[in-house]
Amino acid sequence: MLPAYLYSLVEEGAWSHATDTMLLLLLKPSSKKKTGIKLPRFEALVDALTPAQRVVIAVVLRTFAEMEAGGSPGQAAQAALEAHWKTYLPASS
């Protein structure tokens, strides 16, 4: 299901039915805020992904953040990217 939801974020933008769920799921939990999933569950999700899947998630988050830069969904995607996923962006990005 993850590939379909990621595709939906890029194709439909903030109008995607998956936006809220995906952004909560992909935001690494912080001790400062109680949002999204708990850290052990987030770490299990990341550990279950292949390196290529991690790259795809990072690229989708960056693309979505750029597409929705003026709104809160774009800010949430940027926060998720900065909190964890940016380390997986290709070097030429």
PDB file of N, CA and C in Angstrom:
ATOM      1  N   MET A   1       0.806  -1.195   0.000  1.00  0.00           N
ATOM      2  CA  MET A   1       0.000   0.000   0.000  1.00  0.00           C
ATOM      3  C   MET A   1       0.855   1.268   0.000  1.00  0.00           C
ATOM      4  N   LEU A   2       2.028   1.193   0.602  1.00  0.00           N
ATOM      5  CA  LEU A   2       2.876   2.374   0.689  1.00  0.00           C
ATOM      6  C   LEU A   2       3.173   2.983  -0.682  1.00  0.00           C
ATOM      7  N   PRO A   3       3.528   2.195  -1.695  1.00  0.00           N
ATOM      8  CA  PRO A   3       3.772   2.805  -3.002  1.00  0.00           C
ATOM      9  C   PRO A   3       2.548   3.555  -3.549  1.00  0.00           C
ATOM     10  N   ALA A   4       1.370   3.006  -3.362  1.00  0.00           N
ATOM     11  CA  ALA A   4       0.155   3.666  -3.856  1.00  0.00           C
ATOM     12  C   ALA A   4      -0.080   4.989  -3.141  1.00  0.00           C
ATOM     13  N   TYR A   5       0.143   5.014  -1.848  1.00  0.00           N
ATOM     14  CA  TYR A   5      -0.051   6.251  -1.090  1.00  0.00           C
ATOM     15  C   TYR A   5       0.992   7.304  -1.457  1.00  0.00           C
ATOM     16  N   LEU A   6       2.228   6.881  -1.653  1.00  0.00           N
ATOM     17  CA  LEU A   6       3.268   7.827  -2.064  1.00  0.00           C
ATOM     18  C   LEU A   6       2.956   8.403  -3.443  1.00  0.00           C
ATOM     19  N   TYR A   7       2.510   7.552  -4.346  1.00  0.00           N
ATOM     20  CA  TYR A   7       2.117   7.998  -5.686  1.00  0.00           C
ATOM     21  C   TYR A   7       0.983   9.018  -5.583  1.00  0.00           C
ATOM     22  N   SER A   8       0.040   8.736  -4.713  1.00  0.00           N
ATOM     23  CA  SER A   8      -1.102   9.627  -4.517  1.00  0.00           C
ATOM     24  C   SER A   8      -0.657  11.007  -4.025  1.00  0.00           C
ATOM     25  N   LEU A   9       0.339  11.055  -3.159  1.00  0.00           N
ATOM     26  CA  LEU A   9       0.838  12.348  -2.675  1.00  0.00           C
ATOM     27  C   LEU A   9       1.379  13.192  -3.821  1.00  0.00           C
ATOM     28  N   VAL A  10       2.101  12.567  -4.728  1.00  0.00           N
ATOM     29  CA  VAL A  10       2.699  13.305  -5.834  1.00  0.00           C
ATOM     30  C   VAL A  10       1.653  13.672  -6.891  1.00  0.00           C
ATOM     31  N   GLU A  11       0.764  12.758  -7.192  1.00  0.00           N
ATOM     32  CA  GLU A  11      -0.218  12.989  -8.245  1.00  0.00           C
ATOM     33  C   GLU A  11      -1.356  13.914  -7.813  1.00  0.00           C
ATOM     34  N   GLU A  12      -1.804  13.792  -6.564  1.00  0.00           N
ATOM     35  CA  GLU A  12      -2.973  14.541  -6.114  1.00  0.00           C
ATOM     36  C   GLU A  12      -2.622  15.695  -5.177  1.00  0.00           C
ATOM     37  N   GLY A  13      -1.389  15.733  -4.725  1.00  0.00           N
ATOM     38  CA  GLY A  13      -0.983  16.800  -3.812  1.00  0.00           C
ATOM     39  C   GLY A  13      -1.762  16.761  -2.514  1.00  0.00           C
ATOM     40  N   ALA A  14      -2.054  17.931  -1.976  1.00  0.00           N
ATOM     41  CA  ALA A  14      -2.736  18.037  -0.689  1.00  0.00           C
ATOM     42  C   ALA A  14      -4.150  17.464  -0.732  1.00  0.00           C
ATOM     43  N   TRP A  15      -4.700  17.279  -1.929  1.00  0.00           N
ATOM     44  CA  TRP A  15      -6.054  16.729  -2.067  1.00  0.00           C
ATOM     45  C   TRP A  15      -6.069  15.216  -1.922  1.00  0.00           C
ATOM     46  N   SER A  16      -4.914  14.592  -1.858  1.00  0.00           N
ATOM     47  CA  SER A  16      -4.848  13.143  -1.720  1.00  0.00           C
ATOM     48  C   SER A  16      -5.512  12.702  -0.422  1.00  0.00           C
ATOM     49  N   HIS A  17      -6.243  11.614  -0.508  1.00  0.00           N
ATOM     50  CA  HIS A  17      -6.873  11.055   0.694  1.00  0.00           C
ATOM     51  C   HIS A  17      -5.836  10.512   1.673  1.00  0.00           C
ATOM     52  N   ALA A  18      -4.615  10.341   1.213  1.00  0.00           N
ATOM     53  CA  ALA A  18      -3.558   9.769   2.047  1.00  0.00           C
ATOM     54  C   ALA A  18      -2.688  10.815   2.735  1.00  0.00           C
ATOM     55  N   THR A  19      -2.891  12.083   2.448  1.00  0.00           N
ATOM     56  CA  THR A  19      -1.980  13.123   2.923  1.00  0.00           C
ATOM     57  C   THR A  19      -1.779  13.102   4.430  1.00  0.00           C
ATOM     58  N   ASP A  20      -2.844  13.230   5.187  1.00  0.00           N
ATOM     59  CA  ASP A  20      -2.710  13.302   6.648  1.00  0.00           C
ATOM     60  C   ASP A  20      -2.063  12.055   7.230  1.00  0.00           C
ATOM     61  N   THR A  21      -2.530  10.898   6.791  1.00  0.00           N
ATOM     62  CA  THR A  21      -1.999   9.634   7.315  1.00  0.00           C
ATOM     63  C   THR A  21      -0.520   9.473   6.993  1.00  0.00           C
ATOM     64  N   MET A  22      -0.156   9.731   5.745  1.00  0.00           N
ATOM     65  CA  MET A  22       1.238   9.548   5.342  1.00  0.00           C
ATOM     66  C   MET A  22       2.166  10.509   6.069  1.00  0.00           C
ATOM     67  N   LEU A  23       1.747  11.747   6.210  1.00  0.00           N
ATOM     68  CA  LEU A  23       2.625  12.714   6.865  1.00  0.00           C
ATOM     69  C   LEU A  23       2.793  12.400   8.353  1.00  0.00           C
ATOM     70  N   LEU A  24       1.743  11.917   9.000  1.00  0.00           N
ATOM     71  CA  LEU A  24       1.877  11.498  10.401  1.00  0.00           C
ATOM     72  C   LEU A  24       2.761  10.263  10.527  1.00  0.00           C
ATOM     73  N   LEU A  25       2.601   9.337   9.609  1.00  0.00           N
ATOM     74  CA  LEU A  25       3.373   8.094   9.628  1.00  0.00           C
ATOM     75  C   LEU A  25       4.854   8.331   9.372  1.00  0.00           C
ATOM     76  N   LEU A  26       5.164   9.282   8.481  1.00  0.00           N
ATOM     77  CA  LEU A  26       6.549   9.495   8.066  1.00  0.00           C
ATOM     78  C   LEU A  26       7.294  10.550   8.879  1.00  0.00           C
ATOM     79  N   LEU A  27       6.624  11.169   9.823  1.00  0.00           N
ATOM     80  CA  LEU A  27       7.290  12.146  10.688  1.00  0.00           C
ATOM     81  C   LEU A  27       7.926  11.415  11.866  1.00  0.00           C
ATOM     82  N   LYS A  28       9.240  11.503  11.968  1.00  0.00           N
ATOM     83  CA  LYS A  28       9.937  10.841  13.078  1.00  0.00           C
ATOM     84  C   LYS A  28       9.477  11.475  14.380  1.00  0.00           C
ATOM     85  N   PRO A  29       9.057  10.655  15.333  1.00  0.00           N
ATOM     86  CA  PRO A  29       8.572  11.192  16.604  1.00  0.00           C
ATOM     87  C   PRO A  29       9.651  11.982  17.342  1.00  0.00           C
ATOM     88  N   SER A  30       9.199  12.997  18.019  1.00  0.00           N
ATOM     89  CA  SER A  30      10.078  13.861  18.799  1.00  0.00           C
ATOM     90  C   SER A  30       9.645  13.798  20.255  1.00  0.00           C
ATOM     91  N   SER A  31      10.590  13.934  21.144  1.00  0.00           N
ATOM     92  CA  SER A  31      10.236  13.956  22.567  1.00  0.00           C
ATOM     93  C   SER A  31       9.518  15.244  22.934  1.00  0.00           C
ATOM     94  N   LYS A  32       9.601  16.254  22.053  1.00  0.00           N
ATOM     95  CA  LYS A  32       8.984  17.548  22.325  1.00  0.00           C
ATOM     96  C   LYS A  32       7.491  17.576  21.982  1.00  0.00           C
ATOM     97  N   LYS A  33       7.082  16.782  20.983  1.00  0.00           N
ATOM     98  CA  LYS A  33       5.693  16.786  20.532  1.00  0.00           C
ATOM     99  C   LYS A  33       5.136  15.376  20.533  1.00  0.00           C
ATOM    100  N   LYS A  34       3.884  15.258  20.881  1.00  0.00           N
ATOM    101  CA  LYS A  34       3.198  13.967  20.879  1.00  0.00           C
ATOM    102  C   LYS A  34       2.291  13.882  19.657  1.00  0.00           C
ATOM    103  N   THR A  35       2.878  13.640  18.491  1.00  0.00           N
ATOM    104  CA  THR A  35       2.102  13.495  17.262  1.00  0.00           C
ATOM    105  C   THR A  35       2.570  12.266  16.514  1.00  0.00           C
ATOM    106  N   GLY A  36       1.731  11.774  15.619  1.00  0.00           N
ATOM    107  CA  GLY A  36       2.126  10.647  14.783  1.00  0.00           C
ATOM    108  C   GLY A  36       2.255   9.353  15.557  1.00  0.00           C
ATOM    109  N   ILE A  37       3.231   8.547  15.172  1.00  0.00           N
ATOM    110  CA  ILE A  37       3.419   7.236  15.782  1.00  0.00           C
ATOM    111  C   ILE A  37       4.542   7.301  16.812  1.00  0.00           C
ATOM    112  N   LYS A  38       4.645   6.278  17.620  1.00  0.00           N
ATOM    113  CA  LYS A  38       5.709   6.219  18.634  1.00  0.00           C
ATOM    114  C   LYS A  38       7.032   5.817  17.968  1.00  0.00           C
ATOM    115  N   LEU A  39       8.130   6.213  18.591  1.00  0.00           N
ATOM    116  CA  LEU A  39       9.458   5.998  18.027  1.00  0.00           C
ATOM    117  C   LEU A  39       9.754   4.536  17.684  1.00  0.00           C
ATOM    118  N   PRO A  40       9.459   3.558  18.553  1.00  0.00           N
ATOM    119  CA  PRO A  40       9.760   2.166  18.174  1.00  0.00           C
ATOM    120  C   PRO A  40       9.042   1.725  16.895  1.00  0.00           C
ATOM    121  N   ARG A  41       7.816   2.179  16.722  1.00  0.00           N
ATOM    122  CA  ARG A  41       7.070   1.828  15.511  1.00  0.00           C
ATOM    123  C   ARG A  41       7.677   2.511  14.286  1.00  0.00           C
ATOM    124  N   PHE A  42       8.085   3.763  14.435  1.00  0.00           N
ATOM    125  CA  PHE A  42       8.730   4.471  13.327  1.00  0.00           C
ATOM    126  C   PHE A  42      10.030   3.770  12.946  1.00  0.00           C
ATOM    127  N   GLU A  43      10.837   3.424  13.935  1.00  0.00           N
ATOM    128  CA  GLU A  43      12.106   2.745  13.661  1.00  0.00           C
ATOM    129  C   GLU A  43      11.889   1.396  12.995  1.00  0.00           C
ATOM    130  N   ALA A  44      10.849   0.672  13.405  1.00  0.00           N
ATOM    131  CA  ALA A  44      10.534  -0.618  12.783  1.00  0.00           C
ATOM    132  C   ALA A  44      10.142  -0.424  11.323  1.00  0.00           C
ATOM    133  N   LEU A  45       9.376   0.633  11.048  1.00  0.00           N
ATOM    134  CA  LEU A  45       8.997   0.937   9.671  1.00  0.00           C
ATOM    135  C   LEU A  45      10.241   1.203   8.826  1.00  0.00           C
ATOM    136  N   VAL A  46      11.117   2.059   9.302  1.00  0.00           N
ATOM    137  CA  VAL A  46      12.328   2.407   8.553  1.00  0.00           C
ATOM    138  C   VAL A  46      13.213   1.173   8.367  1.00  0.00           C
ATOM    139  N   ASP A  47      13.366   0.376   9.406  1.00  0.00           N
ATOM    140  CA  ASP A  47      14.201  -0.824   9.322  1.00  0.00           C
ATOM    141  C   ASP A  47      13.658  -1.842   8.316  1.00  0.00           C
ATOM    142  N   ALA A  48      12.344  -1.862   8.133  1.00  0.00           N
ATOM    143  CA  ALA A  48      11.730  -2.822   7.214  1.00  0.00           C
ATOM    144  C   ALA A  48      11.874  -2.401   5.747  1.00  0.00           C
ATOM    145  N   LEU A  49      12.238  -1.163   5.517  1.00  0.00           N
ATOM    146  CA  LEU A  49      12.370  -0.651   4.151  1.00  0.00           C
ATOM    147  C   LEU A  49      13.736  -0.966   3.557  1.00  0.00           C
ATOM    148  N   THR A  50      13.771  -1.161   2.264  1.00  0.00           N
ATOM    149  CA  THR A  50      15.044  -1.324   1.576  1.00  0.00           C
ATOM    150  C   THR A  50      15.671   0.067   1.397  1.00  0.00           C
ATOM    151  N   PRO A  51      16.963   0.131   1.126  1.00  0.00           N
ATOM    152  CA  PRO A  51      17.574   1.435   0.853  1.00  0.00           C
ATOM    153  C   PRO A  51      16.877   2.184  -0.289  1.00  0.00           C
ATOM    154  N   ALA A  52      16.498   1.476  -1.329  1.00  0.00           N
ATOM    155  CA  ALA A  52      15.816   2.128  -2.455  1.00  0.00           C
ATOM    156  C   ALA A  52      14.462   2.694  -2.036  1.00  0.00           C
ATOM    157  N   GLN A  53      13.746   1.995  -1.183  1.00  0.00           N
ATOM    158  CA  GLN A  53      12.448   2.488  -0.702  1.00  0.00           C
ATOM    159  C   GLN A  53      12.625   3.750   0.145  1.00  0.00           C
ATOM    160  N   ARG A  54      13.683   3.783   0.928  1.00  0.00           N
ATOM    161  CA  ARG A  54      13.949   4.980   1.742  1.00  0.00           C
ATOM    162  C   ARG A  54      14.227   6.188   0.856  1.00  0.00           C
ATOM    163  N   VAL A  55      14.960   5.963  -0.236  1.00  0.00           N
ATOM    164  CA  VAL A  55      15.241   7.043  -1.188  1.00  0.00           C
ATOM    165  C   VAL A  55      13.937   7.551  -1.795  1.00  0.00           C
ATOM    166  N   VAL A  56      13.083   6.633  -2.198  1.00  0.00           N
ATOM    167  CA  VAL A  56      11.801   7.026  -2.813  1.00  0.00           C
ATOM    168  C   VAL A  56      10.985   7.865  -1.840  1.00  0.00           C
ATOM    169  N   ILE A  57      10.912   7.464  -0.595  1.00  0.00           N
ATOM    170  CA  ILE A  57      10.147   8.226   0.397  1.00  0.00           C
ATOM    171  C   ILE A  57      10.731   9.624   0.543  1.00  0.00           C
ATOM    172  N   ALA A  58      12.043   9.723   0.623  1.00  0.00           N
ATOM    173  CA  ALA A  58      12.682  11.033   0.764  1.00  0.00           C
ATOM    174  C   ALA A  58      12.385  11.923  -0.444  1.00  0.00           C
ATOM    175  N   VAL A  59      12.462  11.367  -1.633  1.00  0.00           N
ATOM    176  CA  VAL A  59      12.202  12.137  -2.853  1.00  0.00           C
ATOM    177  C   VAL A  59      10.735  12.565  -2.913  1.00  0.00           C
ATOM    178  N   VAL A  60       9.825  11.678  -2.545  1.00  0.00           N
ATOM    179  CA  VAL A  60       8.400  12.023  -2.546  1.00  0.00           C
ATOM    180  C   VAL A  60       8.128  13.131  -1.529  1.00  0.00           C
ATOM    181  N   LEU A  61       8.692  13.030  -0.337  1.00  0.00           N
ATOM    182  CA  LEU A  61       8.490  14.085   0.667  1.00  0.00           C
ATOM    183  C   LEU A  61       9.022  15.423   0.170  1.00  0.00           C
ATOM    184  N   ARG A  62      10.195  15.408  -0.444  1.00  0.00           N
ATOM    185  CA  ARG A  62      10.754  16.658  -0.971  1.00  0.00           C
ATOM    186  C   ARG A  62       9.866  17.230  -2.075  1.00  0.00           C
ATOM    187  N   THR A  63       9.420  16.379  -2.979  1.00  0.00           N
ATOM    188  CA  THR A  63       8.558  16.818  -4.076  1.00  0.00           C
ATOM    189  C   THR A  63       7.248  17.378  -3.539  1.00  0.00           C
ATOM    190  N   PHE A  64       6.637  16.678  -2.598  1.00  0.00           N
ATOM    191  CA  PHE A  64       5.375  17.130  -2.014  1.00  0.00           C
ATOM    192  C   PHE A  64       5.571  18.454  -1.281  1.00  0.00           C
ATOM    193  N   ALA A  65       6.658  18.572  -0.534  1.00  0.00           N
ATOM    194  CA  ALA A  65       6.941  19.821   0.195  1.00  0.00           C
ATOM    195  C   ALA A  65       7.091  20.986  -0.775  1.00  0.00           C
ATOM    196  N   GLU A  66       7.718  20.752  -1.908  1.00  0.00           N
ATOM    197  CA  GLU A  66       7.879  21.803  -2.919  1.00  0.00           C
ATOM    198  C   GLU A  66       6.545  22.143  -3.582  1.00  0.00           C
ATOM    199  N   MET A  67       5.732  21.125  -3.863  1.00  0.00           N
ATOM    200  CA  MET A  67       4.435  21.339  -4.499  1.00  0.00           C
ATOM    201  C   MET A  67       3.477  22.109  -3.592  1.00  0.00           C
ATOM    202  N   GLU A  68       3.557  21.840  -2.297  1.00  0.00           N
ATOM    203  CA  GLU A  68       2.616  22.406  -1.332  1.00  0.00           C
ATOM    204  C   GLU A  68       3.312  23.380  -0.384  1.00  0.00           C
ATOM    205  N   ALA A  69       4.313  24.076  -0.882  1.00  0.00           N
ATOM    206  CA  ALA A  69       5.157  24.934  -0.041  1.00  0.00           C
ATOM    207  C   ALA A  69       4.381  26.009   0.708  1.00  0.00           C
ATOM    208  N   GLY A  70       3.271  26.457   0.187  1.00  0.00           N
ATOM    209  CA  GLY A  70       2.531  27.538   0.819  1.00  0.00           C
ATOM    210  C   GLY A  70       1.565  27.110   1.894  1.00  0.00           C
ATOM    211  N   GLY A  71       1.432  25.820   2.123  1.00  0.00           N
ATOM    212  CA  GLY A  71       0.422  25.368   3.076  1.00  0.00           C
ATOM    213  C   GLY A  71       0.970  24.464   4.158  1.00  0.00           C
ATOM    214  N   SER A  72       0.115  24.135   5.092  1.00  0.00           N
ATOM    215  CA  SER A  72       0.555  23.295   6.206  1.00  0.00           C
ATOM    216  C   SER A  72       0.930  21.874   5.775  1.00  0.00           C
ATOM    217  N   PRO A  73       0.282  21.260   4.771  1.00  0.00           N
ATOM    218  CA  PRO A  73       0.762  19.936   4.340  1.00  0.00           C
ATOM    219  C   PRO A  73       2.206  19.981   3.834  1.00  0.00           C
ATOM    220  N   GLY A  74       2.542  21.024   3.093  1.00  0.00           N
ATOM    221  CA  GLY A  74       3.914  21.168   2.614  1.00  0.00           C
ATOM    222  C   GLY A  74       4.894  21.362   3.753  1.00  0.00           C
ATOM    223  N   GLN A  75       4.481  22.121   4.752  1.00  0.00           N
ATOM    224  CA  GLN A  75       5.332  22.323   5.924  1.00  0.00           C
ATOM    225  C   GLN A  75       5.508  21.027   6.701  1.00  0.00           C
ATOM    226  N   ALA A  76       4.441  20.229   6.783  1.00  0.00           N
ATOM    227  CA  ALA A  76       4.530  18.935   7.472  1.00  0.00           C
ATOM    228  C   ALA A  76       5.469  17.990   6.722  1.00  0.00           C
ATOM    229  N   ALA A  77       5.400  17.998   5.399  1.00  0.00           N
ATOM    230  CA  ALA A  77       6.302  17.155   4.611  1.00  0.00           C
ATOM    231  C   ALA A  77       7.744  17.603   4.790  1.00  0.00           C
ATOM    232  N   GLN A  78       7.967  18.907   4.810  1.00  0.00           N
ATOM    233  CA  GLN A  78       9.312  19.430   5.019  1.00  0.00           C
ATOM    234  C   GLN A  78       9.828  19.056   6.402  1.00  0.00           C
ATOM    235  N   ALA A  79       8.957  19.100   7.394  1.00  0.00           N
ATOM    236  CA  ALA A  79       9.347  18.712   8.764  1.00  0.00           C
ATOM    237  C   ALA A  79       9.740  17.241   8.814  1.00  0.00           C
ATOM    238  N   ALA A  80       8.972  16.387   8.139  1.00  0.00           N
ATOM    239  CA  ALA A  80       9.303  14.959   8.099  1.00  0.00           C
ATOM    240  C   ALA A  80      10.631  14.738   7.393  1.00  0.00           C
ATOM    241  N   LEU A  81      10.827  15.452   6.312  1.00  0.00           N
ATOM    242  CA  LEU A  81      12.077  15.352   5.558  1.00  0.00           C
ATOM    243  C   LEU A  81      13.260  15.772   6.417  1.00  0.00           C
ATOM    244  N   GLU A  82      13.138  16.897   7.077  1.00  0.00           N
ATOM    245  CA  GLU A  82      14.230  17.416   7.919  1.00  0.00           C
ATOM    246  C   GLU A  82      14.481  16.537   9.146  1.00  0.00           C
ATOM    247  N   ALA A  83      13.420  15.976   9.709  1.00  0.00           N
ATOM    248  CA  ALA A  83      13.555  15.184  10.938  1.00  0.00           C
ATOM    249  C   ALA A  83      14.249  13.848  10.717  1.00  0.00           C
ATOM    250  N   HIS A  84      14.170  13.312   9.489  1.00  0.00           N
ATOM    251  CA  HIS A  84      14.768  11.998   9.280  1.00  0.00           C
ATOM    252  C   HIS A  84      15.147  11.700   7.835  1.00  0.00           C
ATOM    253  N   TRP A  85      14.251  11.900   6.905  1.00  0.00           N
ATOM    254  CA  TRP A  85      14.372  11.335   5.564  1.00  0.00           C
ATOM    255  C   TRP A  85      15.395  12.001   4.672  1.00  0.00           C
ATOM    256  N   LYS A  86      15.810  13.221   4.951  1.00  0.00           N
ATOM    257  CA  LYS A  86      16.747  13.913   4.057  1.00  0.00           C
ATOM    258  C   LYS A  86      18.077  13.183   3.919  1.00  0.00           C
ATOM    259  N   THR A  87      18.424  12.369   4.890  1.00  0.00           N
ATOM    260  CA  THR A  87      19.683  11.614   4.816  1.00  0.00           C
ATOM    261  C   THR A  87      19.670  10.593   3.676  1.00  0.00           C
ATOM    262  N   TYR A  88      18.482  10.281   3.161  1.00  0.00           N
ATOM    263  CA  TYR A  88      18.366   9.295   2.095  1.00  0.00           C
ATOM    264  C   TYR A  88      18.264   9.919   0.699  1.00  0.00           C
ATOM    265  N   LEU A  89      18.241  11.231   0.637  1.00  0.00           N
ATOM    266  CA  LEU A  89      18.181  11.877  -0.679  1.00  0.00           C
ATOM    267  C   LEU A  89      19.456  11.577  -1.455  1.00  0.00           C
ATOM    268  N   PRO A  90      19.317  11.354  -2.759  1.00  0.00           N
ATOM    269  CA  PRO A  90      20.510  11.109  -3.585  1.00  0.00           C
ATOM    270  C   PRO A  90      21.476  12.289  -3.481  1.00  0.00           C
ATOM    271  N   ALA A  91      22.755  12.017  -3.587  1.00  0.00           N
ATOM    272  CA  ALA A  91      23.797  13.042  -3.428  1.00  0.00           C
ATOM    273  C   ALA A  91      23.655  14.171  -4.418  1.00  0.00           C
ATOM    274  N   SER A  92      23.146  13.921  -5.608  1.00  0.00           N
ATOM    275  CA  SER A  92      23.030  14.965  -6.623  1.00  0.00           C
ATOM    276  C   SER A  92      21.798  15.837  -6.425  1.00  0.00           C
ATOM    277  N   SER A  93      21.028  15.572  -5.372  1.00  0.00           N
ATOM    278  CA  SER A  93      19.786  16.342  -5.147  1.00  0.00           C
ATOM    279  C   SER A  93      20.052  17.627  -4.414  1.00  0.00           C
TER     280      SER A  93
END
